[in-house]
Amino acid sequence: MVATQTTDLGDLLSSDEVMNRLLSNPRLRRRAVLCVLPAVRAGLEWRFRRRDLEEWIQVQLESRLSSTS
């Protein structure tokens, strides 16, 4: 038996949704230029897991806070 990983389609974000989220915060906007997030192919489009994006944002904001302390 082969295990398969399923992802709820509601958990996948389009490139536009990711960009809107990253551009909504000035700190994230500067970091977004170097942003490399894991993505999955959904037909002809790339989709991003909401969980991966939120984790990346949390790390970026925490690293920014710790570097200003």
C-alpha atoms as a PDB file:
ATOM      1  CA  MET A   1       0.000   0.000   0.000  1.00  0.00           C
ATOM      2  CA  VAL A   2       1.368   3.393  -0.991  1.00  0.00           C
ATOM      3  CA  ALA A   3       0.704   6.293   1.338  1.00  0.00           C
ATOM      4  CA  THR A   4      -0.499   9.422  -0.387  1.00  0.00           C
ATOM      5  CA  GLN A   5      -0.574  12.900   1.026  1.00  0.00           C
ATOM      6  CA  THR A   6      -3.766  14.795   0.388  1.00  0.00           C
ATOM      7  CA  THR A   7      -4.122  18.531   0.679  1.00  0.00           C
ATOM      8  CA  ASP A   8      -7.435  20.268   1.141  1.00  0.00           C
ATOM      9  CA  LEU A   9      -7.881  22.648  -1.782  1.00  0.00           C
ATOM     10  CA  GLY A  10      -8.927  25.348   0.689  1.00  0.00           C
ATOM     11  CA  ASP A  11      -5.443  25.034   2.189  1.00  0.00           C
ATOM     12  CA  LEU A  12      -3.791  25.966  -1.121  1.00  0.00           C
ATOM     13  CA  LEU A  13      -3.164  29.594  -2.050  1.00  0.00           C
ATOM     14  CA  SER A  14      -2.659  31.062  -5.491  1.00  0.00           C
ATOM     15  CA  SER A  15       0.398  33.157  -6.336  1.00  0.00           C
ATOM     16  CA  ASP A  16      -1.772  36.284  -6.164  1.00  0.00           C
ATOM     17  CA  GLU A  17      -3.004  35.381  -2.675  1.00  0.00           C
ATOM     18  CA  VAL A  18       0.569  34.798  -1.484  1.00  0.00           C
ATOM     19  CA  MET A  19       1.753  38.103  -2.941  1.00  0.00           C
ATOM     20  CA  ASN A  20      -1.157  39.993  -1.358  1.00  0.00           C
ATOM     21  CA  ARG A  21      -0.303  38.470   2.022  1.00  0.00           C
ATOM     22  CA  LEU A  22       3.412  39.280   1.716  1.00  0.00           C
ATOM     23  CA  LEU A  23       2.849  42.800   0.404  1.00  0.00           C
ATOM     24  CA  SER A  24       0.449  43.641   3.239  1.00  0.00           C
ATOM     25  CA  ASN A  25       3.328  44.020   5.714  1.00  0.00           C
ATOM     26  CA  PRO A  26       6.291  46.355   5.019  1.00  0.00           C
ATOM     27  CA  ARG A  27       8.771  43.989   6.726  1.00  0.00           C
ATOM     28  CA  LEU A  28       7.527  41.028   4.717  1.00  0.00           C
ATOM     29  CA  ARG A  29       7.511  43.083   1.514  1.00  0.00           C
ATOM     30  CA  ARG A  30      11.289  43.571   1.781  1.00  0.00           C
ATOM     31  CA  ARG A  31      11.853  39.880   2.516  1.00  0.00           C
ATOM     32  CA  ALA A  32       9.491  38.680  -0.219  1.00  0.00           C
ATOM     33  CA  VAL A  33      12.112  39.407  -2.875  1.00  0.00           C
ATOM     34  CA  LEU A  34      14.168  36.473  -1.552  1.00  0.00           C
ATOM     35  CA  CYS A  35      11.185  34.337  -0.607  1.00  0.00           C
ATOM     36  CA  VAL A  36      11.406  30.709  -1.617  1.00  0.00           C
ATOM     37  CA  LEU A  37       8.378  28.699  -0.565  1.00  0.00           C
ATOM     38  CA  PRO A  38       7.568  25.086  -1.323  1.00  0.00           C
ATOM     39  CA  ALA A  39       4.786  24.874  -3.878  1.00  0.00           C
ATOM     40  CA  VAL A  40       2.700  22.214  -5.553  1.00  0.00           C
ATOM     41  CA  ARG A  41       1.579  22.093  -9.142  1.00  0.00           C
ATOM     42  CA  ALA A  42      -2.206  22.202  -9.589  1.00  0.00           C
ATOM     43  CA  GLY A  43      -2.914  21.867 -13.283  1.00  0.00           C
ATOM     44  CA  LEU A  44      -1.130  24.759 -14.975  1.00  0.00           C
ATOM     45  CA  GLU A  45      -0.739  26.816 -11.806  1.00  0.00           C
ATOM     46  CA  TRP A  46       1.554  26.741  -8.814  1.00  0.00           C
ATOM     47  CA  ARG A  47      -0.198  26.686  -5.429  1.00  0.00           C
ATOM     48  CA  PHE A  48       1.265  27.322  -2.012  1.00  0.00           C
ATOM     49  CA  ARG A  49       0.268  25.631   1.216  1.00  0.00           C
ATOM     50  CA  ARG A  50      -1.198  28.129   3.674  1.00  0.00           C
ATOM     51  CA  ARG A  51       0.668  26.379   6.525  1.00  0.00           C
ATOM     52  CA  ASP A  52       4.037  26.811   4.758  1.00  0.00           C
ATOM     53  CA  LEU A  53       3.364  30.500   4.144  1.00  0.00           C
ATOM     54  CA  GLU A  54       2.275  31.163   7.726  1.00  0.00           C
ATOM     55  CA  GLU A  55       5.338  29.334   9.090  1.00  0.00           C
ATOM     56  CA  TRP A  56       7.654  31.345   6.816  1.00  0.00           C
ATOM     57  CA  ILE A  57       6.004  34.609   7.880  1.00  0.00           C
ATOM     58  CA  GLN A  58       6.343  33.695  11.557  1.00  0.00           C
ATOM     59  CA  VAL A  59      10.058  32.924  11.140  1.00  0.00           C
ATOM     60  CA  GLN A  60      10.644  36.174   9.259  1.00  0.00           C
ATOM     61  CA  LEU A  61       8.860  38.275  11.857  1.00  0.00           C
ATOM     62  CA  GLU A  62      10.587  36.503  14.760  1.00  0.00           C
ATOM     63  CA  SER A  63      14.025  36.862  13.166  1.00  0.00           C
ATOM     64  CA  ARG A  64      13.347  40.552  12.616  1.00  0.00           C
ATOM     65  CA  LEU A  65      12.338  41.002  16.260  1.00  0.00           C
ATOM     66  CA  SER A  66      15.350  39.121  17.599  1.00  0.00           C
ATOM     67  CA  SER A  67      17.753  41.087  15.376  1.00  0.00           C
ATOM     68  CA  THR A  68      16.444  44.408  16.721  1.00  0.00           C
ATOM     69  CA  SER A  69      16.802  43.379  20.386  1.00  0.00           C
END
